[in-house]
């Protein structure tokens, strides 16, 4: 315990006498500040941002120049300003387990998913390897004429129901390979993820199903798909998908998840699936 003592000399000299004493009462926060909280990470670098994700402390990786710090689903995240200098913001989210940075919603979606069945978060449905030319819109027209080039030159969804089930003839395996890939539909600095990257993401979920997909940092919804033979929408609101850039034979790899399962599989390139972009 500590006390403060007051002494005075009424004559103005140095013959002091005690006129009062009182105990110093500690301030709880001041005492706590003198202790080390073992739950808070130590040894961080200048400029680091840390947050509690509900389970552990996470250091937010640094953003790029002119990125904007915002809150997405209750957690801090960087939003890239497309083109820099006040352009449209590109929302991003970081999976703390994998360290990968993703767009926070599917291409064409108007918002981050508020539930697994949020229709505003479903986004567009791309045929594998095609650019954002309008075919990906869920109400785009259809045609049975396959394209002989990488750019069909129209916004129709190309239907084809025989081997190799592709909108392009002949097939081109190099259309979505990397940020500089032909027809990369993602914003600058982003690309379609590989099969391995989706596998790593899937392994970080708390459950291998649609619930785990939505509970993940990516908030993946059950988007449904667009059929390659008639252009109709199927299983919207019950099954989710996402393309990868990886090709296997005449097919391409994609992520699948429903109420009881989640895995990577091979799919016809003429099918319409969502695209979730990853930062390069």
Protein backbone atom coordinates (compact mmCIF):
# COMPACT_ATOMS: atom_id res chain seq x y z
CA UNK A 1 0.00 0.00 0.00
CA UNK A 2 1.10 3.58 -0.63
CA UNK A 3 0.22 6.80 1.26
CA UNK A 4 0.64 10.48 0.54
CA UNK A 5 1.74 12.67 3.51
CA UNK A 6 1.21 16.44 3.79
CA UNK A 7 3.52 18.58 6.03
CA UNK A 8 3.30 22.34 6.61
CA UNK A 9 4.94 25.13 8.66
CA UNK A 10 2.37 27.87 9.46
CA UNK A 11 5.20 30.42 10.07
CA UNK A 12 6.65 29.92 6.64
CA UNK A 13 9.84 28.28 7.89
CA UNK A 14 11.16 24.76 7.75
CA UNK A 15 9.74 23.45 11.02
CA UNK A 16 7.25 21.15 9.30
CA UNK A 17 4.56 19.13 11.01
CA UNK A 18 2.27 16.49 9.55
CA UNK A 19 -1.13 17.90 8.76
CA UNK A 20 -2.61 14.92 6.98
CA UNK A 21 -2.08 11.61 5.21
CA UNK A 22 -4.21 9.49 2.89
CA UNK A 23 -3.89 6.15 1.17
CA UNK A 24 -3.26 6.09 -2.58
CA UNK A 25 -5.91 3.97 -4.26
CA UNK A 26 -4.78 2.12 -7.39
CA UNK A 27 -6.58 2.41 -10.72
CA UNK A 28 -7.44 -1.14 -11.96
CA UNK A 29 -6.52 -0.42 -15.57
CA UNK A 30 -3.18 1.07 -14.52
CA UNK A 31 -2.33 -2.07 -12.55
CA UNK A 32 -3.38 -4.29 -15.47
CA UNK A 33 -1.20 -2.25 -17.81
CA UNK A 34 1.76 -3.30 -15.70
CA UNK A 35 1.07 -6.97 -16.45
CA UNK A 36 1.70 -8.98 -19.62
CA UNK A 37 -1.40 -10.44 -21.24
CA UNK A 38 -0.26 -13.87 -22.50
CA UNK A 39 -3.13 -14.03 -25.01
CA UNK A 40 -1.90 -11.04 -27.01
CA UNK A 41 0.82 -11.89 -29.57
CA UNK A 42 4.21 -10.37 -28.82
CA UNK A 43 7.02 -9.26 -31.09
CA UNK A 44 4.89 -7.83 -33.90
CA UNK A 45 6.26 -5.40 -36.44
CA UNK A 46 5.48 -1.70 -36.67
CA UNK A 47 2.25 -1.21 -38.58
CA UNK A 48 0.87 -4.70 -37.92
CA UNK A 49 -2.89 -4.96 -37.35
CA UNK A 50 -4.14 -7.76 -35.10
CA UNK A 51 -7.68 -8.90 -34.41
CA UNK A 52 -9.42 -11.65 -32.44
CA UNK A 53 -11.28 -14.03 -34.78
CA UNK A 54 -13.19 -15.73 -31.97
CA UNK A 55 -10.57 -18.42 -31.45
CA UNK A 56 -7.13 -16.88 -31.76
CA UNK A 57 -5.27 -13.66 -32.51
CA UNK A 58 -4.70 -13.13 -36.23
CA UNK A 59 -2.28 -10.68 -37.82
CA UNK A 60 -3.89 -9.07 -40.85
CA UNK A 61 -1.45 -9.27 -43.78
CA UNK A 62 -0.49 -5.83 -45.10
CA UNK A 63 -2.62 -4.35 -47.85
CA UNK A 64 -1.33 -2.77 -51.04
CA UNK A 65 -0.83 0.93 -51.64
CA UNK A 66 -4.19 2.79 -51.68
CA UNK A 67 -6.14 -0.22 -50.36
CA UNK A 68 -8.94 0.65 -47.95
CA UNK A 69 -9.37 -1.09 -44.59
CA UNK A 70 -12.98 -2.10 -44.02
CA UNK A 71 -15.05 -4.59 -42.04
CA UNK A 72 -16.43 -7.69 -43.82
CA UNK A 73 -18.61 -10.12 -41.86
CA UNK A 74 -17.39 -8.57 -38.62
CA UNK A 75 -13.68 -8.96 -39.44
CA UNK A 76 -11.17 -6.44 -40.82
CA UNK A 77 -10.29 -6.82 -44.49
CA UNK A 78 -8.62 -4.84 -47.24
CA UNK A 79 -10.55 -3.57 -50.23
CA UNK A 80 -8.52 -2.92 -53.33
CA UNK A 81 -9.36 0.22 -55.27
CA UNK A 82 -9.57 -1.02 -58.84
CA UNK A 83 -7.13 0.98 -60.90
CA UNK A 84 -6.17 2.92 -57.75
CA UNK A 85 -7.07 6.48 -56.88
CA UNK A 86 -10.75 6.17 -55.99
CA UNK A 87 -11.99 3.54 -58.43
CA UNK A 88 -14.60 0.92 -57.59
CA UNK A 89 -13.51 -1.07 -54.52
CA UNK A 90 -12.79 -4.77 -54.89
CA UNK A 91 -13.68 -6.51 -51.66
CA UNK A 92 -11.16 -9.06 -50.46
CA UNK A 93 -11.02 -11.56 -47.64
CA UNK A 94 -8.07 -13.50 -46.24
CA UNK A 95 -8.25 -17.08 -45.06
CA UNK A 96 -6.02 -17.00 -41.94
CA UNK A 97 -5.38 -20.75 -42.26
CA UNK A 98 -4.11 -20.74 -45.84
CA UNK A 99 -2.93 -17.13 -45.98
CA UNK A 100 -4.59 -16.71 -49.39
CA UNK A 101 -6.41 -13.54 -50.39
CA UNK A 102 -9.68 -13.96 -52.29
CA UNK A 103 -12.39 -11.70 -53.62
CA UNK A 104 -15.12 -11.61 -50.98
CA UNK A 105 -17.90 -12.56 -53.40
CA UNK A 106 -18.46 -14.39 -56.68
CA UNK A 107 -18.00 -12.55 -59.94
CA UNK A 108 -21.27 -10.82 -60.80
CA UNK A 109 -22.63 -10.95 -57.24
CA UNK A 110 -23.99 -7.70 -55.81
CA UNK A 111 -23.01 -8.46 -52.21
CA UNK A 112 -21.21 -10.79 -49.83
CA UNK A 113 -23.49 -13.69 -48.88
CA UNK A 114 -25.67 -13.03 -45.84
CA UNK A 115 -26.76 -16.68 -45.86
CA UNK A 116 -26.02 -19.80 -47.85
CA UNK A 117 -29.15 -19.16 -49.93
CA UNK A 118 -28.76 -15.39 -50.44
CA UNK A 119 -29.65 -14.91 -54.15
CA UNK A 120 -27.84 -11.56 -54.35
CA UNK A 121 -24.59 -13.39 -53.61
CA UNK A 122 -24.89 -16.14 -56.23
CA UNK A 123 -23.22 -14.21 -59.04
CA UNK A 124 -22.83 -15.13 -62.70
CA UNK A 125 -22.42 -18.55 -64.32
CA UNK A 126 -19.41 -18.87 -66.63
CA UNK A 127 -18.62 -21.47 -69.22
CA UNK A 128 -15.06 -22.59 -68.53
CA UNK A 129 -12.51 -20.47 -70.35
CA UNK A 130 -14.83 -17.71 -71.58
CA UNK A 131 -14.31 -14.04 -70.84
CA UNK A 132 -16.91 -11.75 -69.27
CA UNK A 133 -18.73 -11.16 -72.55
CA UNK A 134 -22.33 -11.33 -71.28
CA UNK A 135 -22.85 -15.09 -71.72
CA UNK A 136 -22.36 -15.51 -67.96
CA UNK A 137 -25.57 -13.65 -67.08
CA UNK A 138 -28.25 -16.05 -65.91
CA UNK A 139 -30.75 -14.71 -68.41
CA UNK A 140 -28.42 -14.51 -71.44
CA UNK A 141 -29.56 -15.95 -74.77
CA UNK A 142 -28.43 -19.33 -76.05
CA UNK A 143 -27.06 -20.74 -79.28
CA UNK A 144 -26.09 -24.20 -80.57
CA UNK A 145 -23.25 -22.82 -82.69
CA UNK A 146 -19.86 -23.54 -81.17
CA UNK A 147 -17.03 -21.04 -81.43
CA UNK A 148 -13.86 -21.68 -83.42
CA UNK A 149 -12.03 -18.88 -81.59
CA UNK A 150 -11.33 -17.85 -77.99
CA UNK A 151 -13.74 -14.92 -78.33
CA UNK A 152 -17.12 -15.97 -79.79
CA UNK A 153 -18.04 -12.36 -80.48
CA UNK A 154 -21.49 -12.53 -78.88
CA UNK A 155 -23.13 -12.79 -75.45
CA UNK A 156 -24.98 -16.09 -75.96
CA UNK A 157 -24.51 -19.13 -73.74
CA UNK A 158 -23.22 -21.82 -76.13
CA UNK A 159 -25.06 -25.16 -75.83
CA UNK A 160 -23.37 -28.46 -76.70
CA UNK A 161 -24.47 -31.91 -75.57
CA UNK A 162 -21.97 -34.28 -77.15
CA UNK A 163 -18.31 -35.10 -76.61
CA UNK A 164 -16.23 -33.13 -75.62
CA UNK A 165 -19.03 -30.97 -74.20
CA UNK A 166 -17.20 -27.69 -74.82
CA UNK A 167 -18.33 -24.35 -76.21
CA UNK A 168 -15.11 -24.08 -78.21
CA UNK A 169 -14.03 -26.24 -81.16
CA UNK A 170 -11.21 -27.18 -81.03
CA UNK A 171 -10.64 -27.03 -77.29
CA UNK A 172 -8.06 -24.67 -75.77
CA UNK A 173 -6.62 -25.64 -72.36
CA UNK A 174 -4.82 -22.32 -71.83
CA UNK A 175 -7.74 -19.91 -71.56
CA UNK A 176 -7.76 -19.35 -67.77
CA UNK A 177 -4.14 -20.00 -66.83
CA UNK A 178 -2.87 -17.23 -64.51
CA UNK A 179 -3.48 -13.49 -64.35
CA UNK A 180 -2.22 -13.13 -67.93
CA UNK A 181 -4.23 -16.09 -69.16
CA UNK A 182 -6.39 -15.74 -72.23
CA UNK A 183 -9.92 -14.65 -71.25
CA UNK A 184 -9.07 -14.33 -67.51
CA UNK A 185 -12.43 -13.00 -66.23
CA UNK A 186 -11.04 -11.68 -62.93
CA UNK A 187 -10.05 -8.07 -62.12
CA UNK A 188 -6.45 -6.96 -62.48
CA UNK A 189 -4.18 -8.84 -60.08
CA UNK A 190 -6.67 -11.68 -59.62
CA UNK A 191 -7.13 -15.01 -61.40
CA UNK A 192 -9.19 -18.20 -61.37
CA UNK A 193 -7.84 -20.49 -58.58
CA UNK A 194 -6.22 -23.83 -59.29
CA UNK A 195 -7.52 -27.21 -58.20
CA UNK A 196 -4.79 -27.33 -55.52
CA UNK A 197 -5.82 -23.95 -54.12
CA UNK A 198 -9.46 -25.01 -53.88
CA UNK A 199 -8.38 -28.24 -52.19
CA UNK A 200 -6.39 -26.28 -49.59
CA UNK A 201 -9.36 -23.99 -49.03
CA UNK A 202 -11.73 -26.93 -48.62
CA UNK A 203 -9.42 -28.54 -46.04
CA UNK A 204 -9.66 -25.40 -43.87
CA UNK A 205 -13.47 -25.61 -43.51
CA UNK A 206 -15.02 -26.76 -40.26
CA UNK A 207 -17.28 -29.17 -42.17
CA UNK A 208 -17.23 -30.60 -45.69
CA UNK A 209 -20.64 -29.40 -46.83
CA UNK A 210 -22.62 -26.28 -47.72
CA UNK A 211 -22.67 -25.18 -44.08
CA UNK A 212 -18.88 -25.33 -43.98
CA UNK A 213 -18.67 -23.42 -47.27
CA UNK A 214 -20.76 -20.57 -45.89
CA UNK A 215 -19.01 -20.60 -42.49
CA UNK A 216 -15.63 -20.27 -44.23
CA UNK A 217 -14.02 -16.83 -44.75
CA UNK A 218 -15.23 -16.95 -48.36
CA UNK A 219 -18.95 -17.18 -47.41
CA UNK A 220 -19.67 -19.43 -50.40
CA UNK A 221 -23.40 -19.76 -51.25
CA UNK A 222 -25.35 -22.53 -52.99
CA UNK A 223 -25.44 -20.99 -56.46
CA UNK A 224 -26.79 -23.73 -58.70
CA UNK A 225 -25.50 -24.20 -62.27
CA UNK A 226 -26.54 -23.66 -65.89
CA UNK A 227 -27.06 -26.76 -67.99
CA UNK A 228 -24.82 -27.31 -71.02
CA UNK A 229 -27.53 -28.88 -73.20
CA UNK A 230 -30.52 -26.57 -72.73
CA UNK A 231 -29.31 -23.52 -70.81
CA UNK A 232 -31.71 -24.08 -67.89
CA UNK A 233 -30.78 -23.31 -64.29
CA UNK A 234 -30.50 -26.29 -61.93
CA UNK A 235 -30.30 -26.86 -58.15
CA UNK A 236 -30.23 -23.14 -57.37
CA UNK A 237 -30.39 -22.73 -53.60
CA UNK A 238 -29.32 -26.30 -52.82
CA UNK A 239 -25.91 -27.00 -54.40
CA UNK A 240 -22.88 -24.74 -54.76
CA UNK A 241 -20.09 -24.76 -57.35
CA UNK A 242 -16.97 -22.85 -58.38
CA UNK A 243 -14.62 -23.30 -61.34
CA UNK A 244 -10.89 -23.89 -61.04
CA UNK A 245 -8.35 -23.15 -63.78
CA UNK A 246 -7.09 -26.75 -63.80
CA UNK A 247 -7.85 -28.99 -66.79
CA UNK A 248 -8.05 -32.79 -66.85
CA UNK A 249 -8.36 -34.36 -70.30
CA UNK A 250 -11.31 -32.70 -72.06
CA UNK A 251 -12.83 -31.54 -68.73
CA UNK A 252 -11.94 -28.95 -66.08
CA UNK A 253 -11.88 -29.21 -62.29
CA UNK A 254 -14.50 -27.56 -60.11
CA UNK A 255 -15.56 -27.30 -56.47
CA UNK A 256 -18.85 -28.94 -55.44
CA UNK A 257 -20.72 -28.71 -52.13
CA UNK A 258 -24.22 -29.60 -50.93
CA UNK A 259 -25.92 -30.27 -47.61
CA UNK A 260 -23.88 -33.38 -46.86
CA UNK A 261 -20.66 -33.30 -48.88
CA UNK A 262 -17.96 -31.17 -50.53
CA UNK A 263 -15.22 -32.19 -52.98
CA UNK A 264 -13.39 -31.40 -56.24
CA UNK A 265 -14.58 -33.08 -59.44
CA UNK A 266 -14.28 -32.95 -63.25
CA UNK A 267 -16.88 -31.01 -65.22
CA UNK A 268 -17.84 -30.33 -68.82
CA UNK A 269 -16.55 -26.96 -69.95
CA UNK A 270 -19.90 -26.02 -71.47
CA UNK A 271 -21.55 -26.03 -68.01
CA UNK A 272 -22.15 -22.67 -66.35
CA UNK A 273 -20.51 -22.42 -62.90
CA UNK A 274 -19.62 -19.42 -60.68
CA UNK A 275 -16.11 -17.96 -60.50
CA UNK A 276 -14.46 -16.86 -57.25
CA UNK A 277 -11.18 -15.08 -57.95
CA UNK A 278 -7.96 -15.42 -55.95
CA UNK A 279 -5.26 -12.76 -55.69
CA UNK A 280 -2.07 -13.65 -57.50
